[in-house]
Amino acid sequence: MGRIFEKRKHTMFARFAKMSVAFNRVRKEIEIAVKAGGPDPKGNSKLRLAIQNAKAVNMPKDRVEAAIKRASSKDTTGYQEIMYEGIGPGGTSIIVLCATDNSTRTVANVRHHFKKGNGTLGNSGSVLFNFEHKAFFKVHKSSVEDFDEFELELIDSGLEEMDHDDEFIYIYAAFEEYGSMQKALEDKGIEVVSGELQYIPTVYREVSGEQVTEMNELVDLLEEDEDVVAVFHNMQEV
């Protein structure tokens, strides 16, 4: 009975830890959006999408409102977005996006995570060439009546690729078309489940065995950092 309880407790803590990481990521996104366009979602499309992303991870409404209020009231003049690049186990390429008010602290922490995770923090441009910068949106498939017609309608808004499964439609566009694609979806009355700018690998690194475990542990270390917004990599498990 004790072992079962410990296993359940471990599972519960793991779930809460993942939820905390997701909430922290969305909170950062909200703060960046408020800094860029103000606290009113009606006039700030980036904030509207950040709030939608908060709903997607089941972030309580009061915490969303608190994040907006916090970002509105604090001094954000030194707040900046930073990208770090590095090499992970097995020669994988990693991109780390951060939002911070103290870049000295952030780079020290990111370097420490790479070292602890058997990786190396690289220079700017060291792995970026292995990725494409894309705008990504996810919408409910049930909100679209005709998939093919919907695809044609979005081409003028910068659509590059679209895929779907039984529940969702996945939309990709050039990162420069992020705003126009979001507006096109809003104009059509399509509710966006989530949306973000992603770095999509153009070249994958095949990794197996212990290096897969090491890579996953390194990604976990990075994502748990308070200043980290997102982590992208090109690992392909074999």
C-alpha atoms as a PDB file:
ATOM      1  CA  MET A   1       0.000   0.000   0.000  1.00  0.00           C
ATOM      2  CA  GLY A   2       2.886   2.360   0.848  1.00  0.00           C
ATOM      3  CA  ARG A   3       4.498   1.811  -2.548  1.00  0.00           C
ATOM      4  CA  ILE A   4       1.224   2.596  -4.327  1.00  0.00           C
ATOM      5  CA  PHE A   5       0.853   5.799  -2.317  1.00  0.00           C
ATOM      6  CA  GLU A   6       4.416   6.873  -3.102  1.00  0.00           C
ATOM      7  CA  LYS A   7       3.888   6.184  -6.804  1.00  0.00           C
ATOM      8  CA  ARG A   8       0.665   8.218  -6.811  1.00  0.00           C
ATOM      9  CA  LYS A   9       2.364  11.024  -4.918  1.00  0.00           C
ATOM     10  CA  HIS A  10       5.257  11.069  -7.399  1.00  0.00           C
ATOM     11  CA  THR A  11       2.809  11.168 -10.326  1.00  0.00           C
ATOM     12  CA  MET A  12       0.885  14.021  -8.709  1.00  0.00           C
ATOM     13  CA  PHE A  13       4.051  16.059  -8.089  1.00  0.00           C
ATOM     14  CA  ALA A  14       5.208  15.451 -11.682  1.00  0.00           C
ATOM     15  CA  ARG A  15       1.856  16.663 -13.005  1.00  0.00           C
ATOM     16  CA  PHE A  16       1.942  19.794 -10.852  1.00  0.00           C
ATOM     17  CA  ALA A  17       5.553  20.446 -11.923  1.00  0.00           C
ATOM     18  CA  LYS A  18       4.588  20.312 -15.605  1.00  0.00           C
ATOM     19  CA  MET A  19       1.609  22.583 -14.903  1.00  0.00           C
ATOM     20  CA  SER A  20       3.894  25.054 -13.137  1.00  0.00           C
ATOM     21  CA  VAL A  21       6.254  25.106 -16.137  1.00  0.00           C
ATOM     22  CA  ALA A  22       3.332  25.714 -18.518  1.00  0.00           C
ATOM     23  CA  PHE A  23       1.897  28.490 -16.338  1.00  0.00           C
ATOM     24  CA  ASN A  24       5.301  30.172 -16.055  1.00  0.00           C
ATOM     25  CA  ARG A  25       5.741  30.074 -19.826  1.00  0.00           C
ATOM     26  CA  VAL A  26       2.320  31.644 -20.410  1.00  0.00           C
ATOM     27  CA  ARG A  27       2.913  34.249 -17.690  1.00  0.00           C
ATOM     28  CA  LYS A  28       6.095  35.311 -19.488  1.00  0.00           C
ATOM     29  CA  GLU A  29       4.216  35.463 -22.766  1.00  0.00           C
ATOM     30  CA  ILE A  30       1.559  37.693 -21.183  1.00  0.00           C
ATOM     31  CA  GLU A  31       4.181  40.019 -19.723  1.00  0.00           C
ATOM     32  CA  ILE A  32       5.953  40.332 -23.080  1.00  0.00           C
ATOM     33  CA  ALA A  33       2.640  41.061 -24.806  1.00  0.00           C
ATOM     34  CA  VAL A  34       1.653  43.711 -22.251  1.00  0.00           C
ATOM     35  CA  LYS A  35       5.053  45.352 -22.594  1.00  0.00           C
ATOM     36  CA  ALA A  36       4.715  45.397 -26.389  1.00  0.00           C
ATOM     37  CA  GLY A  37       1.115  46.584 -26.756  1.00  0.00           C
ATOM     38  CA  GLY A  38      -0.445  47.476 -23.425  1.00  0.00           C
ATOM     39  CA  PRO A  39      -2.832  45.687 -21.006  1.00  0.00           C
ATOM     40  CA  ASP A  40      -6.058  45.903 -23.056  1.00  0.00           C
ATOM     41  CA  PRO A  41      -6.626  42.676 -25.061  1.00  0.00           C
ATOM     42  CA  LYS A  42      -9.045  44.456 -27.412  1.00  0.00           C
ATOM     43  CA  GLY A  43      -6.242  46.582 -28.808  1.00  0.00           C
ATOM     44  CA  ASN A  44      -3.414  44.096 -28.344  1.00  0.00           C
ATOM     45  CA  SER A  45      -3.578  41.049 -30.617  1.00  0.00           C
ATOM     46  CA  LYS A  46      -0.448  39.539 -29.070  1.00  0.00           C
ATOM     47  CA  LEU A  47      -2.062  39.686 -25.633  1.00  0.00           C
ATOM     48  CA  ARG A  48      -5.308  38.171 -26.959  1.00  0.00           C
ATOM     49  CA  LEU A  49      -3.362  35.187 -28.223  1.00  0.00           C
ATOM     50  CA  ALA A  50      -1.389  34.898 -24.974  1.00  0.00           C
ATOM     51  CA  ILE A  51      -4.673  34.777 -23.041  1.00  0.00           C
ATOM     52  CA  GLN A  52      -5.930  32.087 -25.409  1.00  0.00           C
ATOM     53  CA  ASN A  53      -2.729  30.112 -24.798  1.00  0.00           C
ATOM     54  CA  ALA A  54      -3.388  30.443 -21.074  1.00  0.00           C
ATOM     55  CA  LYS A  55      -6.817  28.894 -21.569  1.00  0.00           C
ATOM     56  CA  ALA A  56      -5.223  26.039 -23.528  1.00  0.00           C
ATOM     57  CA  VAL A  57      -3.137  25.042 -20.485  1.00  0.00           C
ATOM     58  CA  ASN A  58      -6.081  25.578 -18.082  1.00  0.00           C
ATOM     59  CA  MET A  59      -4.502  28.552 -16.351  1.00  0.00           C
ATOM     60  CA  PRO A  60      -7.116  30.028 -13.963  1.00  0.00           C
ATOM     61  CA  LYS A  61      -8.641  33.351 -15.007  1.00  0.00           C
ATOM     62  CA  ASP A  62      -7.543  35.085 -11.800  1.00  0.00           C
ATOM     63  CA  ARG A  63      -3.919  34.140 -12.485  1.00  0.00           C
ATOM     64  CA  VAL A  64      -4.172  35.507 -16.017  1.00  0.00           C
ATOM     65  CA  GLU A  65      -5.568  38.777 -14.677  1.00  0.00           C
ATOM     66  CA  ALA A  66      -2.846  38.885 -12.016  1.00  0.00           C
ATOM     67  CA  ALA A  67      -0.157  38.429 -14.684  1.00  0.00           C
ATOM     68  CA  ILE A  68      -1.574  41.301 -16.733  1.00  0.00           C
ATOM     69  CA  LYS A  69      -1.791  43.533 -13.663  1.00  0.00           C
ATOM     70  CA  ARG A  70       1.738  42.600 -12.601  1.00  0.00           C
ATOM     71  CA  ALA A  71       3.143  43.364 -16.055  1.00  0.00           C
ATOM     72  CA  SER A  72       1.239  46.662 -16.161  1.00  0.00           C
ATOM     73  CA  SER A  73       2.378  47.883 -12.758  1.00  0.00           C
ATOM     74  CA  LYS A  74       6.049  46.875 -12.710  1.00  0.00           C
ATOM     75  CA  ASP A  75       8.928  48.640 -14.430  1.00  0.00           C
ATOM     76  CA  THR A  76       9.699  46.674 -17.577  1.00  0.00           C
ATOM     77  CA  THR A  77      12.199  49.049 -19.169  1.00  0.00           C
ATOM     78  CA  GLY A  78      14.991  46.516 -18.713  1.00  0.00           C
ATOM     79  CA  TYR A  79      12.894  43.538 -19.745  1.00  0.00           C
ATOM     80  CA  GLN A  80      14.241  41.792 -22.859  1.00  0.00           C
ATOM     81  CA  GLU A  81      13.896  38.661 -24.951  1.00  0.00           C
ATOM     82  CA  ILE A  82      17.108  36.697 -25.554  1.00  0.00           C
ATOM     83  CA  MET A  83      17.941  33.642 -27.647  1.00  0.00           C
ATOM     84  CA  TYR A  84      20.641  31.169 -26.683  1.00  0.00           C
ATOM     85  CA  GLU A  85      21.991  28.377 -28.861  1.00  0.00           C
ATOM     86  CA  GLY A  86      23.819  25.229 -27.822  1.00  0.00           C
ATOM     87  CA  ILE A  87      24.800  21.664 -28.491  1.00  0.00           C
ATOM     88  CA  GLY A  88      23.123  18.860 -26.554  1.00  0.00           C
ATOM     89  CA  PRO A  89      23.921  15.163 -26.064  1.00  0.00           C
ATOM     90  CA  GLY A  90      24.601  13.325 -29.307  1.00  0.00           C
ATOM     91  CA  GLY A  91      25.383  16.547 -31.156  1.00  0.00           C
ATOM     92  CA  THR A  92      21.794  17.813 -31.087  1.00  0.00           C
ATOM     93  CA  SER A  93      21.057  21.475 -31.801  1.00  0.00           C
ATOM     94  CA  ILE A  94      19.132  23.420 -29.171  1.00  0.00           C
ATOM     95  CA  ILE A  95      17.546  26.874 -29.198  1.00  0.00           C
ATOM     96  CA  VAL A  96      16.505  28.443 -25.891  1.00  0.00           C
ATOM     97  CA  LEU A  97      14.229  31.490 -25.821  1.00  0.00           C
ATOM     98  CA  CYS A  98      14.286  33.552 -22.644  1.00  0.00           C
ATOM     99  CA  ALA A  99      12.583  36.639 -21.249  1.00  0.00           C
ATOM    100  CA  THR A 100      14.525  38.330 -18.478  1.00  0.00           C
ATOM    101  CA  ASP A 101      15.260  41.508 -16.581  1.00  0.00           C
ATOM    102  CA  ASN A 102      18.751  40.267 -15.697  1.00  0.00           C
ATOM    103  CA  SER A 103      20.694  38.823 -18.640  1.00  0.00           C
ATOM    104  CA  THR A 104      23.767  38.131 -16.490  1.00  0.00           C
ATOM    105  CA  ARG A 105      21.747  35.812 -14.255  1.00  0.00           C
ATOM    106  CA  THR A 106      20.003  34.189 -17.194  1.00  0.00           C
ATOM    107  CA  VAL A 107      23.103  33.355 -19.244  1.00  0.00           C
ATOM    108  CA  ALA A 108      24.814  31.953 -16.147  1.00  0.00           C
ATOM    109  CA  ASN A 109      21.830  29.713 -15.420  1.00  0.00           C
ATOM    110  CA  VAL A 110      21.495  28.545 -19.032  1.00  0.00           C
ATOM    111  CA  ARG A 111      25.225  27.772 -19.225  1.00  0.00           C
ATOM    112  CA  HIS A 112      24.937  25.809 -15.971  1.00  0.00           C
ATOM    113  CA  HIS A 113      21.999  23.781 -17.315  1.00  0.00           C
ATOM    114  CA  PHE A 114      23.907  22.898 -20.488  1.00  0.00           C
ATOM    115  CA  LYS A 115      26.967  21.844 -18.508  1.00  0.00           C
ATOM    116  CA  LYS A 116      24.914  19.760 -16.068  1.00  0.00           C
ATOM    117  CA  GLY A 117      23.024  18.167 -18.960  1.00  0.00           C
ATOM    118  CA  ASN A 118      26.175  17.107 -20.824  1.00  0.00           C
ATOM    119  CA  GLY A 119      25.812  19.891 -23.383  1.00  0.00           C
ATOM    120  CA  THR A 120      27.612  23.080 -24.379  1.00  0.00           C
ATOM    121  CA  LEU A 121      26.315  26.633 -24.663  1.00  0.00           C
ATOM    122  CA  GLY A 122      27.309  27.943 -28.100  1.00  0.00           C
ATOM    123  CA  ASN A 123      27.731  31.308 -29.787  1.00  0.00           C
ATOM    124  CA  SER A 124      25.027  33.220 -31.615  1.00  0.00           C
ATOM    125  CA  GLY A 125      24.377  31.567 -34.974  1.00  0.00           C
ATOM    126  CA  SER A 126      26.092  28.308 -34.042  1.00  0.00           C
ATOM    127  CA  VAL A 127      22.985  26.116 -34.605  1.00  0.00           C
ATOM    128  CA  LEU A 128      20.292  28.522 -35.830  1.00  0.00           C
ATOM    129  CA  PHE A 129      20.925  27.512 -39.445  1.00  0.00           C
ATOM    130  CA  ASN A 130      19.427  24.095 -38.628  1.00  0.00           C
ATOM    131  CA  PHE A 131      15.982  25.656 -38.030  1.00  0.00           C
ATOM    132  CA  GLU A 132      13.273  27.647 -39.797  1.00  0.00           C
ATOM    133  CA  HIS A 133      11.359  30.359 -37.954  1.00  0.00           C
ATOM    134  CA  LYS A 134       7.623  29.712 -38.340  1.00  0.00           C
ATOM    135  CA  ALA A 135       4.301  31.036 -37.089  1.00  0.00           C
ATOM    136  CA  PHE A 136       2.168  28.226 -35.691  1.00  0.00           C
ATOM    137  CA  PHE A 137      -1.532  28.121 -34.853  1.00  0.00           C
ATOM    138  CA  LYS A 138      -3.748  25.301 -33.596  1.00  0.00           C
ATOM    139  CA  VAL A 139      -7.537  25.441 -34.049  1.00  0.00           C
ATOM    140  CA  HIS A 140     -10.366  23.020 -33.400  1.00  0.00           C
ATOM    141  CA  LYS A 141     -11.177  20.950 -36.464  1.00  0.00           C
ATOM    142  CA  SER A 142     -14.873  21.155 -35.584  1.00  0.00           C
ATOM    143  CA  SER A 143     -14.795  24.928 -36.203  1.00  0.00           C
ATOM    144  CA  VAL A 144     -14.026  24.388 -39.907  1.00  0.00           C
ATOM    145  CA  GLU A 145     -16.688  23.012 -42.256  1.00  0.00           C
ATOM    146  CA  ASP A 146     -14.565  22.439 -45.376  1.00  0.00           C
ATOM    147  CA  PHE A 147     -10.872  21.698 -44.802  1.00  0.00           C
ATOM    148  CA  ASP A 148      -9.795  22.207 -48.439  1.00  0.00           C
ATOM    149  CA  GLU A 149     -11.700  25.478 -48.816  1.00  0.00           C
ATOM    150  CA  PHE A 150     -10.324  26.712 -45.484  1.00  0.00           C
ATOM    151  CA  GLU A 151      -6.800  25.959 -46.690  1.00  0.00           C
ATOM    152  CA  LEU A 152      -7.311  27.948 -49.896  1.00  0.00           C
ATOM    153  CA  GLU A 153      -8.748  30.909 -47.978  1.00  0.00           C
ATOM    154  CA  LEU A 154      -5.647  31.151 -45.768  1.00  0.00           C
ATOM    155  CA  ILE A 155      -3.100  31.191 -48.598  1.00  0.00           C
ATOM    156  CA  ASP A 156      -3.445  34.964 -49.034  1.00  0.00           C
ATOM    157  CA  SER A 157      -2.643  35.356 -45.328  1.00  0.00           C
ATOM    158  CA  GLY A 158       0.687  33.567 -45.698  1.00  0.00           C
ATOM    159  CA  LEU A 159      -0.241  29.920 -45.203  1.00  0.00           C
ATOM    160  CA  GLU A 160       2.691  27.619 -46.005  1.00  0.00           C
ATOM    161  CA  GLU A 161       1.522  24.299 -44.639  1.00  0.00           C
ATOM    162  CA  MET A 162      -1.552  22.861 -42.948  1.00  0.00           C
ATOM    163  CA  ASP A 163      -2.178  19.484 -41.360  1.00  0.00           C
ATOM    164  CA  HIS A 164      -4.832  17.962 -39.147  1.00  0.00           C
ATOM    165  CA  ASP A 165      -5.800  15.035 -36.958  1.00  0.00           C
ATOM    166  CA  ASP A 166      -9.171  13.976 -35.562  1.00  0.00           C
ATOM    167  CA  GLU A 167      -9.377  16.970 -33.203  1.00  0.00           C
ATOM    168  CA  PHE A 168      -7.174  19.841 -34.384  1.00  0.00           C
ATOM    169  CA  ILE A 169      -5.936  21.682 -37.474  1.00  0.00           C
ATOM    170  CA  TYR A 170      -2.287  22.777 -37.424  1.00  0.00           C
ATOM    171  CA  ILE A 171      -1.375  25.886 -39.396  1.00  0.00           C
ATOM    172  CA  TYR A 172       2.148  27.015 -40.352  1.00  0.00           C
ATOM    173  CA  ALA A 173       3.200  30.299 -41.932  1.00  0.00           C
ATOM    174  CA  ALA A 174       6.371  32.382 -42.203  1.00  0.00           C
ATOM    175  CA  PHE A 175       7.074  34.148 -38.913  1.00  0.00           C
ATOM    176  CA  GLU A 176       6.594  37.524 -40.651  1.00  0.00           C
ATOM    177  CA  GLU A 177       2.978  36.506 -41.327  1.00  0.00           C
ATOM    178  CA  TYR A 178       2.155  35.841 -37.669  1.00  0.00           C
ATOM    179  CA  GLY A 179      -0.024  38.945 -37.311  1.00  0.00           C
ATOM    180  CA  SER A 180      -1.814  38.603 -40.639  1.00  0.00           C
ATOM    181  CA  MET A 181      -2.593  34.931 -40.014  1.00  0.00           C
ATOM    182  CA  GLN A 182      -3.944  35.662 -36.550  1.00  0.00           C
ATOM    183  CA  LYS A 183      -6.130  38.440 -37.993  1.00  0.00           C
ATOM    184  CA  ALA A 184      -7.386  36.154 -40.771  1.00  0.00           C
ATOM    185  CA  LEU A 185      -8.450  33.520 -38.254  1.00  0.00           C
ATOM    186  CA  GLU A 186     -10.117  36.110 -36.021  1.00  0.00           C
ATOM    187  CA  ASP A 187     -11.949  37.648 -39.007  1.00  0.00           C
ATOM    188  CA  LYS A 188     -13.317  34.204 -39.877  1.00  0.00           C
ATOM    189  CA  GLY A 189     -14.515  33.721 -36.311  1.00  0.00           C
ATOM    190  CA  ILE A 190     -12.116  30.811 -35.760  1.00  0.00           C
ATOM    191  CA  GLU A 191     -11.063  30.437 -32.137  1.00  0.00           C
ATOM    192  CA  VAL A 192      -7.333  29.802 -31.829  1.00  0.00           C
ATOM    193  CA  VAL A 193      -6.550  27.093 -29.289  1.00  0.00           C
ATOM    194  CA  SER A 194      -2.896  28.132 -29.181  1.00  0.00           C
ATOM    195  CA  GLY A 195      -0.456  30.099 -31.272  1.00  0.00           C
ATOM    196  CA  GLU A 196       3.241  30.853 -31.127  1.00  0.00           C
ATOM    197  CA  LEU A 197       6.421  31.422 -33.057  1.00  0.00           C
ATOM    198  CA  GLN A 198       8.377  28.183 -33.359  1.00  0.00           C
ATOM    199  CA  TYR A 199      11.773  27.099 -34.591  1.00  0.00           C
ATOM    200  CA  ILE A 200      11.207  24.047 -36.782  1.00  0.00           C
ATOM    201  CA  PRO A 201      14.233  21.816 -37.548  1.00  0.00           C
ATOM    202  CA  THR A 202      15.296  21.539 -41.176  1.00  0.00           C
ATOM    203  CA  VAL A 203      17.955  18.972 -40.258  1.00  0.00           C
ATOM    204  CA  TYR A 204      17.436  16.290 -37.607  1.00  0.00           C
ATOM    205  CA  ARG A 205      20.052  14.593 -35.454  1.00  0.00           C
ATOM    206  CA  GLU A 206      19.450  10.894 -34.824  1.00  0.00           C
ATOM    207  CA  VAL A 207      20.000   9.969 -31.189  1.00  0.00           C
ATOM    208  CA  SER A 208      19.509   6.685 -29.365  1.00  0.00           C
ATOM    209  CA  GLY A 209      19.987   4.952 -26.023  1.00  0.00           C
ATOM    210  CA  GLU A 210      21.355   6.844 -23.052  1.00  0.00           C
ATOM    211  CA  GLN A 211      21.795  10.050 -25.053  1.00  0.00           C
ATOM    212  CA  VAL A 212      18.020  10.284 -25.523  1.00  0.00           C
ATOM    213  CA  THR A 213      17.569  10.194 -21.756  1.00  0.00           C
ATOM    214  CA  GLU A 214      20.309  12.793 -21.283  1.00  0.00           C
ATOM    215  CA  MET A 215      18.737  15.038 -23.903  1.00  0.00           C
ATOM    216  CA  ASN A 216      15.290  14.844 -22.320  1.00  0.00           C
ATOM    217  CA  GLU A 217      16.787  15.644 -18.927  1.00  0.00           C
ATOM    218  CA  LEU A 218      18.603  18.674 -20.361  1.00  0.00           C
ATOM    219  CA  VAL A 219      15.409  19.974 -21.960  1.00  0.00           C
ATOM    220  CA  ASP A 220      13.598  19.523 -18.638  1.00  0.00           C
ATOM    221  CA  LEU A 221      16.328  21.497 -16.837  1.00  0.00           C
ATOM    222  CA  LEU A 222      16.045  24.343 -19.317  1.00  0.00           C
ATOM    223  CA  GLU A 223      12.241  24.449 -19.341  1.00  0.00           C
ATOM    224  CA  GLU A 224      12.092  24.539 -15.542  1.00  0.00           C
ATOM    225  CA  ASP A 225      14.205  27.712 -15.459  1.00  0.00           C
ATOM    226  CA  GLU A 226      12.119  30.754 -14.539  1.00  0.00           C
ATOM    227  CA  ASP A 227      13.583  32.872 -17.360  1.00  0.00           C
ATOM    228  CA  VAL A 228      13.069  30.311 -20.115  1.00  0.00           C
ATOM    229  CA  VAL A 229      10.024  30.766 -22.364  1.00  0.00           C
ATOM    230  CA  ALA A 230      10.558  27.947 -24.878  1.00  0.00           C
ATOM    231  CA  VAL A 231      13.057  25.279 -25.927  1.00  0.00           C
ATOM    232  CA  PHE A 232      13.419  23.858 -29.451  1.00  0.00           C
ATOM    233  CA  HIS A 233      15.708  21.049 -30.622  1.00  0.00           C
ATOM    234  CA  ASN A 234      16.339  18.756 -33.565  1.00  0.00           C
ATOM    235  CA  MET A 235      16.638  15.390 -31.803  1.00  0.00           C
ATOM    236  CA  GLN A 236      15.162  12.431 -33.651  1.00  0.00           C
ATOM    237  CA  GLU A 237      14.958   9.345 -31.481  1.00  0.00           C
ATOM    238  CA  VAL A 238      15.955   6.093 -33.184  1.00  0.00           C
END
